[in-house]
PDB file of N, CA and C in Angstrom:
ATOM      1  N   UNK A   1      70.614 112.583  17.911  1.00  0.00           N
ATOM      2  CA  UNK A   1      70.131 111.226  18.037  1.00  0.00           C
ATOM      3  C   UNK A   1      68.607 111.263  18.036  1.00  0.00           C
ATOM      4  N   UNK A   2      68.013 110.664  17.064  1.00  0.00           N
ATOM      5  CA  UNK A   2      66.556 110.599  16.972  1.00  0.00           C
ATOM      6  C   UNK A   2      66.061 109.388  17.748  1.00  0.00           C
ATOM      7  N   UNK A   3      65.038 109.605  18.543  1.00  0.00           N
ATOM      8  CA  UNK A   3      64.439 108.540  19.331  1.00  0.00           C
ATOM      9  C   UNK A   3      62.931 108.662  19.221  1.00  0.00           C
ATOM     10  N   UNK A   4      62.267 107.548  19.014  1.00  0.00           N
ATOM     11  CA  UNK A   4      60.804 107.608  18.988  1.00  0.00           C
ATOM     12  C   UNK A   4      60.270 107.186  20.350  1.00  0.00           C
ATOM     13  N   UNK A   5      59.101 107.696  20.664  1.00  0.00           N
ATOM     14  CA  UNK A   5      58.503 107.452  21.957  1.00  0.00           C
ATOM     15  C   UNK A   5      57.038 107.135  21.741  1.00  0.00           C
ATOM     16  N   UNK A   6      56.586 105.993  22.229  1.00  0.00           N
ATOM     17  CA  UNK A   6      55.184 105.624  22.088  1.00  0.00           C
ATOM     18  C   UNK A   6      54.474 105.926  23.400  1.00  0.00           C
ATOM     19  N   UNK A   7      53.443 106.743  23.317  1.00  0.00           N
ATOM     20  CA  UNK A   7      52.643 107.052  24.495  1.00  0.00           C
ATOM     21  C   UNK A   7      51.183 106.759  24.173  1.00  0.00           C
ATOM     22  N   UNK A   8      50.403 106.457  25.203  1.00  0.00           N
ATOM     23  CA  UNK A   8      48.998 106.133  24.962  1.00  0.00           C
ATOM     24  C   UNK A   8      48.219 107.394  24.567  1.00  0.00           C
ATOM     25  N   UNK A   9      47.053 107.179  24.027  1.00  0.00           N
ATOM     26  CA  UNK A   9      46.252 108.291  23.501  1.00  0.00           C
ATOM     27  C   UNK A   9      45.887 109.313  24.571  1.00  0.00           C
ATOM     28  N   UNK A  10      45.596 108.852  25.788  1.00  0.00           N
ATOM     29  CA  UNK A  10      45.231 109.774  26.859  1.00  0.00           C
ATOM     30  C   UNK A  10      46.389 110.711  27.190  1.00  0.00           C
ATOM     31  N   UNK A  11      47.595 110.150  27.357  1.00  0.00           N
ATOM     32  CA  UNK A  11      48.754 110.979  27.672  1.00  0.00           C
ATOM     33  C   UNK A  11      49.076 111.909  26.504  1.00  0.00           C
ATOM     34  N   UNK A  12      48.958 111.392  25.300  1.00  0.00           N
ATOM     35  CA  UNK A  12      49.213 112.224  24.119  1.00  0.00           C
ATOM     36  C   UNK A  12      48.267 113.418  24.101  1.00  0.00           C
ATOM     37  N   UNK A  13      47.010 113.187  24.400  1.00  0.00           N
ATOM     38  CA  UNK A  13      46.027 114.268  24.439  1.00  0.00           C
ATOM     39  C   UNK A  13      46.353 115.283  25.524  1.00  0.00           C
ATOM     40  N   UNK A  14      46.769 114.792  26.683  1.00  0.00           N
ATOM     41  CA  UNK A  14      47.138 115.684  27.788  1.00  0.00           C
ATOM     42  C   UNK A  14      48.337 116.550  27.411  1.00  0.00           C
ATOM     43  N   UNK A  15      49.326 115.943  26.783  1.00  0.00           N
ATOM     44  CA  UNK A  15      50.515 116.689  26.356  1.00  0.00           C
ATOM     45  C   UNK A  15      50.129 117.751  25.334  1.00  0.00           C
ATOM     46  N   UNK A  16      49.300 117.376  24.384  1.00  0.00           N
ATOM     47  CA  UNK A  16      48.879 118.326  23.360  1.00  0.00           C
ATOM     48  C   UNK A  16      48.076 119.473  23.964  1.00  0.00           C
ATOM     49  N   UNK A  17      47.210 119.163  24.922  1.00  0.00           N
ATOM     50  CA  UNK A  17      46.425 120.208  25.573  1.00  0.00           C
ATOM     51  C   UNK A  17      47.337 121.161  26.344  1.00  0.00           C
ATOM     52  N   UNK A  18      48.288 120.613  27.088  1.00  0.00           N
ATOM     53  CA  UNK A  18      49.225 121.442  27.841  1.00  0.00           C
ATOM     54  C   UNK A  18      50.081 122.289  26.898  1.00  0.00           C
ATOM     55  N   UNK A  19      50.519 121.692  25.811  1.00  0.00           N
ATOM     56  CA  UNK A  19      51.324 122.419  24.829  1.00  0.00           C
ATOM     57  C   UNK A  19      50.541 123.609  24.276  1.00  0.00           C
ATOM     58  N   UNK A  20      49.286 123.391  24.002  1.00  0.00           N
ATOM     59  CA  UNK A  20      48.446 124.470  23.494  1.00  0.00           C
ATOM     60  C   UNK A  20      48.285 125.576  24.533  1.00  0.00           C
ATOM     61  N   UNK A  21      48.058 125.195  25.774  1.00  0.00           N
ATOM     62  CA  UNK A  21      47.903 126.173  26.855  1.00  0.00           C
ATOM     63  C   UNK A  21      49.175 126.980  27.069  1.00  0.00           C
ATOM     64  N   UNK A  22      50.317 126.352  26.921  1.00  0.00           N
ATOM     65  CA  UNK A  22      51.606 127.010  27.165  1.00  0.00           C
ATOM     66  C   UNK A  22      52.182 127.662  25.912  1.00  0.00           C
ATOM     67  N   UNK A  23      51.477 127.501  24.798  1.00  0.00           N
ATOM     68  CA  UNK A  23      51.936 128.001  23.501  1.00  0.00           C
ATOM     69  C   UNK A  23      53.331 127.451  23.178  1.00  0.00           C
ATOM     70  N   UNK A  24      53.461 126.176  23.383  1.00  0.00           N
ATOM     71  CA  UNK A  24      54.686 125.431  23.081  1.00  0.00           C
ATOM     72  C   UNK A  24      54.308 124.242  22.209  1.00  0.00           C
ATOM     73  N   UNK A  25      55.309 123.609  21.627  1.00  0.00           N
ATOM     74  CA  UNK A  25      55.032 122.392  20.862  1.00  0.00           C
ATOM     75  C   UNK A  25      54.955 121.203  21.828  1.00  0.00           C
ATOM     76  N   UNK A  26      54.247 120.179  21.403  1.00  0.00           N
ATOM     77  CA  UNK A  26      54.194 118.952  22.203  1.00  0.00           C
ATOM     78  C   UNK A  26      55.610 118.385  22.360  1.00  0.00           C
ATOM     79  N   UNK A  27      56.423 118.516  21.341  1.00  0.00           N
ATOM     80  CA  UNK A  27      57.804 118.061  21.389  1.00  0.00           C
ATOM     81  C   UNK A  27      58.561 118.767  22.511  1.00  0.00           C
ATOM     82  N   UNK A  28      58.407 120.096  22.615  1.00  0.00           N
ATOM     83  CA  UNK A  28      59.079 120.865  23.669  1.00  0.00           C
ATOM     84  C   UNK A  28      58.619 120.398  25.049  1.00  0.00           C
ATOM     85  N   UNK A  29      57.306 120.187  25.220  1.00  0.00           N
ATOM     86  CA  UNK A  29      56.757 119.733  26.510  1.00  0.00           C
ATOM     87  C   UNK A  29      57.373 118.391  26.900  1.00  0.00           C
ATOM     88  N   UNK A  30      57.439 117.465  25.959  1.00  0.00           N
ATOM     89  CA  UNK A  30      57.987 116.138  26.266  1.00  0.00           C
ATOM     90  C   UNK A  30      59.481 116.206  26.575  1.00  0.00           C
ATOM     91  N   UNK A  31      60.232 117.006  25.819  1.00  0.00           N
ATOM     92  CA  UNK A  31      61.669 117.151  26.093  1.00  0.00           C
ATOM     93  C   UNK A  31      61.887 117.762  27.478  1.00  0.00           C
ATOM     94  N   UNK A  32      61.103 118.778  27.825  1.00  0.00           N
ATOM     95  CA  UNK A  32      61.232 119.423  29.126  1.00  0.00           C
ATOM     96  C   UNK A  32      60.905 118.444  30.252  1.00  0.00           C
ATOM     97  N   UNK A  33      59.871 117.648  30.064  1.00  0.00           N
ATOM     98  CA  UNK A  33      59.491 116.656  31.082  1.00  0.00           C
ATOM     99  C   UNK A  33      60.606 115.628  31.284  1.00  0.00           C
ATOM    100  N   UNK A  34      61.181 115.161  30.198  1.00  0.00           N
ATOM    101  CA  UNK A  34      62.261 114.181  30.290  1.00  0.00           C
ATOM    102  C   UNK A  34      63.486 114.814  30.950  1.00  0.00           C
ATOM    103  N   UNK A  35      63.824 116.040  30.561  1.00  0.00           N
ATOM    104  CA  UNK A  35      64.975 116.731  31.152  1.00  0.00           C
ATOM    105  C   UNK A  35      64.795 116.899  32.655  1.00  0.00           C
ATOM    106  N   UNK A  36      63.612 117.359  33.068  1.00  0.00           N
ATOM    107  CA  UNK A  36      63.369 117.557  34.495  1.00  0.00           C
ATOM    108  C   UNK A  36      63.440 116.231  35.254  1.00  0.00           C
ATOM    109  N   UNK A  37      62.914 115.164  34.674  1.00  0.00           N
ATOM    110  CA  UNK A  37      62.976 113.846  35.309  1.00  0.00           C
ATOM    111  C   UNK A  37      64.421 113.392  35.470  1.00  0.00           C
ATOM    112  N   UNK A  38      65.205 113.508  34.403  1.00  0.00           N
ATOM    113  CA  UNK A  38      66.602 113.073  34.452  1.00  0.00           C
ATOM    114  C   UNK A  38      67.389 113.926  35.449  1.00  0.00           C
ATOM    115  N   UNK A  39      67.182 115.244  35.441  1.00  0.00           N
ATOM    116  CA  UNK A  39      67.856 116.124  36.404  1.00  0.00           C
ATOM    117  C   UNK A  39      67.527 115.707  37.836  1.00  0.00           C
ATOM    118  N   UNK A  40      66.250 115.448  38.113  1.00  0.00           N
ATOM    119  CA  UNK A  40      65.806 115.062  39.455  1.00  0.00           C
ATOM    120  C   UNK A  40      66.413 113.723  39.875  1.00  0.00           C
ATOM    121  N   UNK A  41      66.420 112.758  38.975  1.00  0.00           N
ATOM    122  CA  UNK A  41      66.968 111.438  39.295  1.00  0.00           C
ATOM    123  C   UNK A  41      68.478 111.498  39.490  1.00  0.00           C
ATOM    124  N   UNK A  42      69.174 112.299  38.676  1.00  0.00           N
ATOM    125  CA  UNK A  42      70.620 112.464  38.859  1.00  0.00           C
ATOM    126  C   UNK A  42      70.927 113.118  40.202  1.00  0.00           C
ATOM    127  N   UNK A  43      70.140 114.113  40.582  1.00  0.00           N
ATOM    128  CA  UNK A  43      70.339 114.774  41.878  1.00  0.00           C
ATOM    129  C   UNK A  43      70.103 113.794  43.019  1.00  0.00           C
ATOM    130  N   UNK A  44      69.090 112.950  42.872  1.00  0.00           N
ATOM    131  CA  UNK A  44      68.805 111.955  43.910  1.00  0.00           C
ATOM    132  C   UNK A  44      69.959 110.960  44.032  1.00  0.00           C
ATOM    133  N   UNK A  45      70.503 110.526  42.910  1.00  0.00           N
ATOM    134  CA  UNK A  45      71.641 109.602  42.936  1.00  0.00           C
ATOM    135  C   UNK A  45      72.866 110.262  43.565  1.00  0.00           C
ATOM    136  N   UNK A  46      73.099 111.525  43.250  1.00  0.00           N
ATOM    137  CA  UNK A  46      74.220 112.251  43.826  1.00  0.00           C
ATOM    138  C   UNK A  46      74.062 112.359  45.346  1.00  0.00           C
ATOM    139  N   UNK A  47      72.863 112.691  45.788  1.00  0.00           N
ATOM    140  CA  UNK A  47      72.580 112.777  47.224  1.00  0.00           C
ATOM    141  C   UNK A  47      72.823 111.425  47.894  1.00  0.00           C
ATOM    142  N   UNK A  48      72.374 110.366  47.257  1.00  0.00           N
ATOM    143  CA  UNK A  48      72.555 109.013  47.801  1.00  0.00           C
ATOM    144  C   UNK A  48      74.044 108.664  47.915  1.00  0.00           C
ATOM    145  N   UNK A  49      74.822 108.963  46.871  1.00  0.00           N
ATOM    146  CA  UNK A  49      76.263 108.686  46.908  1.00  0.00           C
ATOM    147  C   UNK A  49      76.934 109.483  48.027  1.00  0.00           C
ATOM    148  N   UNK A  50      76.553 110.762  48.154  1.00  0.00           N
ATOM    149  CA  UNK A  50      77.135 111.606  49.192  1.00  0.00           C
ATOM    150  C   UNK A  50      76.767 111.090  50.586  1.00  0.00           C
ATOM    151  N   UNK A  51      75.538 110.671  50.766  1.00  0.00           N
ATOM    152  CA  UNK A  51      75.099 110.142  52.061  1.00  0.00           C
ATOM    153  C   UNK A  51      75.854 108.859  52.402  1.00  0.00           C
ATOM    154  N   UNK A  52      76.032 107.981  51.424  1.00  0.00           N
ATOM    155  CA  UNK A  52      76.768 106.734  51.676  1.00  0.00           C
ATOM    156  C   UNK A  52      78.234 107.018  51.990  1.00  0.00           C
ATOM    157  N   UNK A  53      78.836 108.002  51.318  1.00  0.00           N
ATOM    158  CA  UNK A  53      80.226 108.372  51.598  1.00  0.00           C
ATOM    159  C   UNK A  53      80.334 108.957  53.006  1.00  0.00           C
ATOM    160  N   UNK A  54      79.359 109.771  53.396  1.00  0.00           N
ATOM    161  CA  UNK A  54      79.368 110.347  54.747  1.00  0.00           C
ATOM    162  C   UNK A  54      79.216 109.257  55.796  1.00  0.00           C
ATOM    163  N   UNK A  55      78.342 108.317  55.556  1.00  0.00           N
ATOM    164  CA  UNK A  55      78.136 107.217  56.496  1.00  0.00           C
ATOM    165  C   UNK A  55      79.404 106.383  56.627  1.00  0.00           C
ATOM    166  N   UNK A  56      80.051 106.133  55.501  1.00  0.00           N
ATOM    167  CA  UNK A  56      81.294 105.371  55.508  1.00  0.00           C
ATOM    168  C   UNK A  56      82.372 106.110  56.308  1.00  0.00           C
ATOM    169  N   UNK A  57      82.487 107.423  56.085  1.00  0.00           N
ATOM    170  CA  UNK A  57      83.482 108.222  56.823  1.00  0.00           C
ATOM    171  C   UNK A  57      83.171 108.206  58.315  1.00  0.00           C
ATOM    172  N   UNK A  58      81.903 108.304  58.670  1.00  0.00           N
ATOM    173  CA  UNK A  58      81.518 108.259  60.089  1.00  0.00           C
ATOM    174  C   UNK A  58      81.885 106.905  60.699  1.00  0.00           C
ATOM    175  N   UNK A  59      81.613 105.830  59.970  1.00  0.00           N
ATOM    176  CA  UNK A  59      81.939 104.502  60.494  1.00  0.00           C
ATOM    177  C   UNK A  59      83.442 104.331  60.691  1.00  0.00           C
ATOM    178  N   UNK A  60      84.239 104.940  59.824  1.00  0.00           N
ATOM    179  CA  UNK A  60      85.692 104.829  59.927  1.00  0.00           C
ATOM    180  C   UNK A  60      86.266 105.694  61.041  1.00  0.00           C
ATOM    181  N   UNK A  61      85.729 106.895  61.212  1.00  0.00           N
ATOM    182  CA  UNK A  61      86.344 107.848  62.137  1.00  0.00           C
ATOM    183  C   UNK A  61      85.526 108.126  63.394  1.00  0.00           C
ATOM    184  N   UNK A  62      84.222 107.963  63.312  1.00  0.00           N
ATOM    185  CA  UNK A  62      83.356 108.295  64.441  1.00  0.00           C
ATOM    186  C   UNK A  62      83.128 109.790  64.597  1.00  0.00           C
ATOM    187  N   UNK A  63      83.749 110.596  63.743  1.00  0.00           N
ATOM    188  CA  UNK A  63      83.623 112.056  63.850  1.00  0.00           C
ATOM    189  C   UNK A  63      82.283 112.488  63.267  1.00  0.00           C
ATOM    190  N   UNK A  64      81.626 113.430  63.969  1.00  0.00           N
ATOM    191  CA  UNK A  64      80.289 113.852  63.564  1.00  0.00           C
ATOM    192  C   UNK A  64      79.913 115.183  64.211  1.00  0.00           C
ATOM    193  N   UNK A  65      78.774 115.699  63.803  1.00  0.00           N
ATOM    194  CA  UNK A  65      78.084 116.806  64.478  1.00  0.00           C
ATOM    195  C   UNK A  65      76.699 116.289  64.815  1.00  0.00           C
ATOM    196  N   UNK A  66      76.148 116.726  65.926  1.00  0.00           N
ATOM    197  CA  UNK A  66      74.781 116.349  66.255  1.00  0.00           C
ATOM    198  C   UNK A  66      73.823 117.219  65.456  1.00  0.00           C
ATOM    199  N   UNK A  67      72.591 116.783  65.351  1.00  0.00           N
ATOM    200  CA  UNK A  67      71.585 117.576  64.671  1.00  0.00           C
ATOM    201  C   UNK A  67      71.418 118.931  65.336  1.00  0.00           C
ATOM    202  N   UNK A  68      71.445 118.954  66.652  1.00  0.00           N
ATOM    203  CA  UNK A  68      71.287 120.222  67.366  1.00  0.00           C
ATOM    204  C   UNK A  68      72.452 121.162  67.088  1.00  0.00           C
ATOM    205  N   UNK A  69      73.665 120.627  67.018  1.00  0.00           N
ATOM    206  CA  UNK A  69      74.826 121.466  66.699  1.00  0.00           C
ATOM    207  C   UNK A  69      74.679 122.101  65.315  1.00  0.00           C
ATOM    208  N   UNK A  70      74.193 121.328  64.361  1.00  0.00           N
ATOM    209  CA  UNK A  70      74.006 121.848  63.009  1.00  0.00           C
ATOM    210  C   UNK A  70      72.900 122.900  63.000  1.00  0.00           C
ATOM    211  N   UNK A  71      71.771 122.612  63.675  1.00  0.00           N
ATOM    212  CA  UNK A  71      70.670 123.587  63.722  1.00  0.00           C
ATOM    213  C   UNK A  71      71.105 124.893  64.371  1.00  0.00           C
ATOM    214  N   UNK A  72      71.871 124.806  65.450  1.00  0.00           N
ATOM    215  CA  UNK A  72      72.361 126.008  66.131  1.00  0.00           C
ATOM    216  C   UNK A  72      73.252 126.816  65.198  1.00  0.00           C
ATOM    217  N   UNK A  73      74.150 126.136  64.499  1.00  0.00           N
ATOM    218  CA  UNK A  73      75.028 126.808  63.547  1.00  0.00           C
ATOM    219  C   UNK A  73      74.218 127.458  62.419  1.00  0.00           C
ATOM    220  N   UNK A  74      73.283 126.701  61.836  1.00  0.00           N
ATOM    221  CA  UNK A  74      72.502 127.229  60.725  1.00  0.00           C
ATOM    222  C   UNK A  74      71.636 128.414  61.139  1.00  0.00           C
ATOM    223  N   UNK A  75      71.215 128.444  62.385  1.00  0.00           N
ATOM    224  CA  UNK A  75      70.369 129.554  62.848  1.00  0.00           C
ATOM    225  C   UNK A  75      71.128 130.882  62.857  1.00  0.00           C
ATOM    226  N   UNK A  76      72.458 130.839  62.782  1.00  0.00           N
ATOM    227  CA  UNK A  76      73.251 132.079  62.763  1.00  0.00           C
ATOM    228  C   UNK A  76      73.484 132.594  61.341  1.00  0.00           C
ATOM    229  N   UNK A  77      73.149 131.798  60.327  1.00  0.00           N
ATOM    230  CA  UNK A  77      73.385 132.214  58.943  1.00  0.00           C
ATOM    231  C   UNK A  77      72.639 133.508  58.659  1.00  0.00           C
ATOM    232  N   UNK A  78      73.324 134.446  58.071  1.00  0.00           N
ATOM    233  CA  UNK A  78      72.729 135.717  57.692  1.00  0.00           C
ATOM    234  C   UNK A  78      72.658 136.721  58.832  1.00  0.00           C
ATOM    235  N   UNK A  79      73.024 136.304  60.024  1.00  0.00           N
ATOM    236  CA  UNK A  79      72.997 137.214  61.172  1.00  0.00           C
ATOM    237  C   UNK A  79      74.320 137.971  61.244  1.00  0.00           C
ATOM    238  N   UNK A  80      74.307 139.063  62.000  1.00  0.00           N
ATOM    239  CA  UNK A  80      75.535 139.857  62.167  1.00  0.00           C
ATOM    240  C   UNK A  80      76.642 139.031  62.822  1.00  0.00           C
ATOM    241  N   UNK A  81      76.259 138.113  63.708  1.00  0.00           N
ATOM    242  CA  UNK A  81      77.263 137.288  64.400  1.00  0.00           C
ATOM    243  C   UNK A  81      77.262 135.851  63.855  1.00  0.00           C
ATOM    244  N   UNK A  82      77.228 135.744  62.512  1.00  0.00           N
ATOM    245  CA  UNK A  82      77.217 134.428  61.868  1.00  0.00           C
ATOM    246  C   UNK A  82      78.415 133.614  62.332  1.00  0.00           C
ATOM    247  N   UNK A  83      78.156 132.374  62.726  1.00  0.00           N
ATOM    248  CA  UNK A  83      79.205 131.504  63.271  1.00  0.00           C
ATOM    249  C   UNK A  83      79.807 130.646  62.170  1.00  0.00           C
ATOM    250  N   UNK A  84      81.068 130.254  62.369  1.00  0.00           N
ATOM    251  CA  UNK A  84      81.728 129.303  61.480  1.00  0.00           C
ATOM    252  C   UNK A  84      81.200 127.905  61.797  1.00  0.00           C
ATOM    253  N   UNK A  85      81.323 127.009  60.827  1.00  0.00           N
ATOM    254  CA  UNK A  85      80.874 125.647  61.045  1.00  0.00           C
ATOM    255  C   UNK A  85      81.613 125.053  62.237  1.00  0.00           C
ATOM    256  N   UNK A  86      80.886 124.386  63.151  1.00  0.00           N
ATOM    257  CA  UNK A  86      81.570 123.789  64.309  1.00  0.00           C
ATOM    258  C   UNK A  86      82.464 122.620  63.861  1.00  0.00           C
ATOM    259  N   UNK A  87      83.446 122.323  64.665  1.00  0.00           N
ATOM    260  CA  UNK A  87      84.357 121.211  64.381  1.00  0.00           C
ATOM    261  C   UNK A  87      83.648 119.887  64.686  1.00  0.00           C
ATOM    262  N   UNK A  88      83.903 118.917  63.839  1.00  0.00           N
ATOM    263  CA  UNK A  88      83.376 117.576  64.100  1.00  0.00           C
ATOM    264  C   UNK A  88      84.102 116.995  65.309  1.00  0.00           C
ATOM    265  N   UNK A  89      83.424 116.081  65.988  1.00  0.00           N
ATOM    266  CA  UNK A  89      83.997 115.453  67.189  1.00  0.00           C
ATOM    267  C   UNK A  89      83.560 113.992  67.240  1.00  0.00           C
ATOM    268  N   UNK A  90      84.171 113.255  68.142  1.00  0.00           N
ATOM    269  CA  UNK A  90      83.763 111.849  68.300  1.00  0.00           C
ATOM    270  C   UNK A  90      82.664 111.734  69.298  1.00  0.00           C
TER     271      UNK A  90
END
């Protein structure tokens, strides 16, 4: 799918300068920038959906872990006595 993109002269110059510094084409720089933006925005949307689902589940059940419980559990990661995730509670 071919798509044209209009950018102002200043941005075009910046892209061309960066492309030259990186020994890449301006086309590659622009595609990479768009890919990284889309990846970041998709990840943000996924995080938002997951957070809303978690909030909904909490509102329905009241089951949760406190921040301190999570921090205590995470502090054991990689240790010889690594703990299993604590059980959620009301």
